Amino acid sequence: MFSNELKMFRRLGFRHFLLQILNFTSVIASGLMLWKGLGLILNTESPIVVVLSGSMEPAFYRGDLLFLTNPPGQRYHTGDITVYRIPGAEIPIVHRVLETRDVFILFDNSTENPIIKNRLAKLKLPPGEHQLMLTKGDNNHVDDIDLYQGLEWLDRRHIIGKVRGFLPYIGYVTIAMNDFPQLKYALLGGLGLLAVIQRE
């Protein structure tokens, strides 16, 4: 099946093979640097995410590609669509802010309102002013408290970013590669092989 490619590889030699590996590695490194640079500029660990479920329909559908920003001084408002991740959870969640609450944590780790002190204990917030959020999927009947793994509110540190734009259905490639790992390995292997055996 690959007899012509193998003949061409033997003809080009080992030095050319190493050069192609170096070129392929530089393309991968450039992509990673672009991703990390974009993340630094937009102040988010993941500037682009894919919608994996139907919990935000009809706003977003499975496979939509979302673009995020998270400016440090930005406040979130009711109705904003955010992407958040709970510590220990692997997959981020795209849901809408249902309610916000401002609290001020004193230096003795109490709050101005002692009634909610116990409710905030699990968040382990440092002293200062904090904005807490409660979220919900547009297509869900209840809020996300059950998803928070024992927390009653989200803090700013849980937020990956706010949705600023999207491209419909583009992310289905990512979903297919996650659902079928063999497809991902075949695609990466094929790209690597093409990069190694091409002449230029």
Protein backbone atom coordinates (compact mmCIF):
# COMPACT_ATOMS: atom_id res chain seq x y z
CA MET A 1 0.00 0.00 0.00
CA PHE A 2 2.82 2.40 0.89
CA SER A 3 5.47 0.91 -1.42
CA ASN A 4 5.90 4.10 -3.47
CA GLU A 5 6.22 6.20 -0.31
CA LEU A 6 8.81 3.82 1.16
CA LYS A 7 10.85 3.93 -2.05
CA MET A 8 10.73 7.71 -2.03
CA PHE A 9 11.73 7.77 1.66
CA ARG A 10 14.78 5.55 0.92
CA ARG A 11 15.74 7.81 -1.96
CA LEU A 12 15.53 11.01 0.13
CA GLY A 13 17.64 9.63 2.99
CA PHE A 14 17.84 9.88 6.76
CA ARG A 15 18.89 13.53 6.81
CA HIS A 16 15.76 14.58 4.97
CA PHE A 17 13.69 12.46 7.37
CA LEU A 18 15.14 14.35 10.36
CA LEU A 19 14.49 17.69 8.63
CA GLN A 20 10.84 16.75 8.05
CA ILE A 21 10.46 15.69 11.71
CA LEU A 22 11.88 19.06 12.75
CA ASN A 23 9.46 20.91 10.46
CA PHE A 24 6.50 18.93 11.79
CA THR A 25 7.57 19.61 15.40
CA SER A 26 7.89 23.33 14.70
CA VAL A 27 4.34 23.43 13.27
CA ILE A 28 2.99 21.73 16.43
CA ALA A 29 5.02 24.09 18.67
CA SER A 30 3.77 27.14 16.75
CA GLY A 31 0.17 26.05 17.26
CA LEU A 32 0.71 25.55 20.99
CA MET A 33 2.41 28.95 21.32
CA LEU A 34 -0.46 30.62 19.46
CA TRP A 35 -2.98 28.89 21.77
CA LYS A 36 -1.12 29.89 24.96
CA GLY A 37 -0.51 33.44 23.69
CA LEU A 38 -4.20 33.89 22.90
CA GLY A 39 -5.02 32.56 26.37
CA LEU A 40 -2.69 35.12 27.99
CA ILE A 41 -4.13 38.02 25.98
CA LEU A 42 -7.75 37.03 26.74
CA ASN A 43 -6.94 36.02 30.37
CA THR A 44 -8.42 32.54 30.04
CA GLU A 45 -6.97 29.05 30.19
CA SER A 46 -9.06 28.04 27.18
CA PRO A 47 -9.99 30.76 24.65
CA ILE A 48 -11.98 28.27 22.52
CA VAL A 49 -14.29 25.49 23.78
CA VAL A 50 -16.72 23.06 22.16
CA VAL A 51 -20.29 22.55 23.38
CA LEU A 52 -20.62 18.87 24.32
CA SER A 53 -24.26 18.67 25.44
CA GLY A 54 -27.68 20.10 24.68
CA SER A 55 -28.13 21.86 28.03
CA MET A 56 -27.91 25.33 26.43
CA GLU A 57 -30.32 24.77 23.54
CA PRO A 58 -31.61 26.76 21.73
CA ALA A 59 -28.79 29.28 22.39
CA PHE A 60 -26.04 26.76 21.54
CA TYR A 61 -26.17 23.26 20.16
CA ARG A 62 -23.84 20.30 20.52
CA GLY A 63 -20.75 20.86 18.37
CA ASP A 64 -20.83 24.67 18.44
CA LEU A 65 -17.42 26.31 18.84
CA LEU A 66 -17.39 29.09 21.47
CA PHE A 67 -14.92 31.98 21.80
CA LEU A 68 -14.20 33.19 25.35
CA THR A 69 -12.67 36.19 27.10
CA ASN A 70 -12.15 36.79 30.81
CA PRO A 71 -10.82 40.32 31.50
CA PRO A 72 -9.59 40.54 35.12
CA GLY A 73 -11.72 43.55 36.13
CA GLN A 74 -14.89 42.34 34.42
CA ARG A 75 -18.03 41.74 36.47
CA TYR A 76 -20.53 39.11 35.44
CA HIS A 77 -24.22 39.91 35.19
CA THR A 78 -27.42 37.90 35.19
CA GLY A 79 -27.91 36.54 31.68
CA ASP A 80 -24.19 36.29 30.79
CA ILE A 81 -23.21 32.93 29.32
CA THR A 82 -20.14 31.60 31.11
CA VAL A 83 -17.91 28.57 30.91
CA TYR A 84 -16.86 27.24 34.31
CA ARG A 85 -14.98 24.31 35.78
CA ILE A 86 -15.38 22.93 39.29
CA PRO A 87 -12.12 21.71 40.92
CA GLY A 88 -11.82 17.97 40.35
CA ALA A 89 -14.15 18.03 37.32
CA GLU A 90 -12.57 17.21 33.99
CA ILE A 91 -14.97 18.88 31.55
CA PRO A 92 -15.94 22.59 31.65
CA ILE A 93 -19.64 23.50 31.58
CA VAL A 94 -21.32 26.19 29.44
CA HIS A 95 -24.27 27.71 31.32
CA ARG A 96 -25.99 31.06 31.86
CA VAL A 97 -25.64 33.18 35.02
CA LEU A 98 -28.95 32.97 36.88
CA GLU A 99 -28.06 35.07 39.94
CA THR A 100 -25.09 37.02 41.31
CA ARG A 101 -24.24 38.05 44.86
CA ASP A 102 -21.48 40.29 46.23
CA VAL A 103 -19.85 39.36 49.55
CA PHE A 104 -17.00 40.89 51.51
CA ILE A 105 -14.76 38.51 53.45
CA LEU A 106 -13.13 40.08 56.50
CA PHE A 107 -9.57 39.30 57.58
CA ASP A 108 -10.83 36.92 60.29
CA ASN A 109 -12.45 34.85 57.47
CA SER A 110 -15.97 35.91 58.44
CA THR A 111 -18.42 37.96 56.40
CA GLU A 112 -20.47 41.08 56.98
CA ASN A 113 -23.48 38.74 57.06
CA PRO A 114 -22.86 35.89 59.55
CA ILE A 115 -25.97 34.04 58.31
CA ILE A 116 -24.20 33.05 55.10
CA LYS A 117 -20.83 32.35 56.72
CA ASN A 118 -21.42 28.59 56.84
CA ARG A 119 -22.67 28.56 53.24
CA LEU A 120 -19.42 30.17 52.06
CA ALA A 121 -17.07 28.07 54.18
CA LYS A 122 -16.45 25.49 51.45
CA LEU A 123 -15.35 28.17 48.98
CA LYS A 124 -12.39 29.12 51.24
CA LEU A 125 -12.34 32.68 49.91
CA PRO A 126 -9.42 34.99 50.74
CA PRO A 127 -10.17 38.35 52.45
CA GLY A 128 -11.71 40.97 50.19
CA GLU A 129 -14.70 41.51 47.93
CA HIS A 130 -15.99 38.60 45.86
CA GLN A 131 -18.72 38.12 43.30
CA LEU A 132 -20.55 34.80 43.63
CA MET A 133 -22.64 33.31 40.84
CA LEU A 134 -25.37 30.73 40.41
CA THR A 135 -25.77 29.26 36.92
CA LYS A 136 -28.30 27.23 34.96
CA GLY A 137 -28.54 25.68 31.51
CA ASP A 138 -31.25 27.19 29.30
CA ASN A 139 -32.56 23.70 28.54
CA ASN A 140 -32.42 22.50 32.17
CA HIS A 141 -35.31 22.69 34.63
CA VAL A 142 -33.19 23.39 37.75
CA ASP A 143 -30.07 25.39 38.62
CA ASP A 144 -26.55 23.93 38.74
CA ILE A 145 -26.10 23.49 42.51
CA ASP A 146 -26.03 19.70 42.09
CA LEU A 147 -23.12 20.11 39.65
CA TYR A 148 -21.04 22.22 42.07
CA GLN A 149 -19.87 19.19 44.11
CA GLY A 150 -20.96 20.53 47.49
CA LEU A 151 -20.53 24.25 46.75
CA GLU A 152 -23.56 26.55 46.75
CA TRP A 153 -22.04 29.28 44.58
CA LEU A 154 -19.38 29.72 41.92
CA ASP A 155 -16.53 32.10 42.62
CA ARG A 156 -14.58 34.04 39.97
CA ARG A 157 -11.74 31.48 40.10
CA HIS A 158 -14.14 28.81 38.77
CA ILE A 159 -14.96 30.85 35.66
CA ILE A 160 -12.93 30.10 32.53
CA GLY A 161 -14.54 32.87 30.52
CA LYS A 162 -17.56 34.61 29.08
CA VAL A 163 -18.87 33.62 25.66
CA ARG A 164 -18.22 36.39 23.11
CA GLY A 165 -19.03 34.58 19.87
CA PHE A 166 -19.52 31.16 18.30
CA LEU A 167 -19.34 29.13 15.11
CA PRO A 168 -22.10 26.54 14.71
CA TYR A 169 -21.27 22.83 14.40
CA ILE A 170 -17.53 23.36 13.71
CA GLY A 171 -16.63 21.49 16.90
CA TYR A 172 -18.13 18.18 15.75
CA VAL A 173 -14.63 17.15 14.61
CA THR A 174 -13.44 17.41 18.23
CA ILE A 175 -16.49 15.49 19.49
CA ALA A 176 -15.89 12.72 16.93
CA MET A 177 -12.23 12.42 17.96
CA ASN A 178 -13.20 12.23 21.66
CA ASP A 179 -15.95 9.67 21.01
CA PHE A 180 -13.71 7.57 18.75
CA PRO A 181 -10.07 7.73 19.95
CA GLN A 182 -8.99 5.47 17.04
CA LEU A 183 -10.02 8.22 14.64
CA LYS A 184 -7.85 10.73 16.52
CA TYR A 185 -4.80 8.45 16.43
CA ALA A 186 -5.36 7.62 12.76
CA LEU A 187 -5.66 11.31 11.87
CA LEU A 188 -2.54 12.30 13.82
CA GLY A 189 -0.61 9.33 12.45
CA GLY A 190 -1.66 10.17 8.89
CA LEU A 191 -0.64 13.81 9.28
CA GLY A 192 2.71 12.78 10.77
CA LEU A 193 3.34 10.32 7.94
CA LEU A 194 2.47 12.91 5.29
CA ALA A 195 4.77 15.44 6.93
CA VAL A 196 7.64 12.95 6.95
CA ILE A 197 7.35 11.60 3.41
CA GLN A 198 6.53 14.75 1.45
CA ARG A 199 9.40 16.17 -0.58
CA GLU A 200 9.10 19.85 0.43
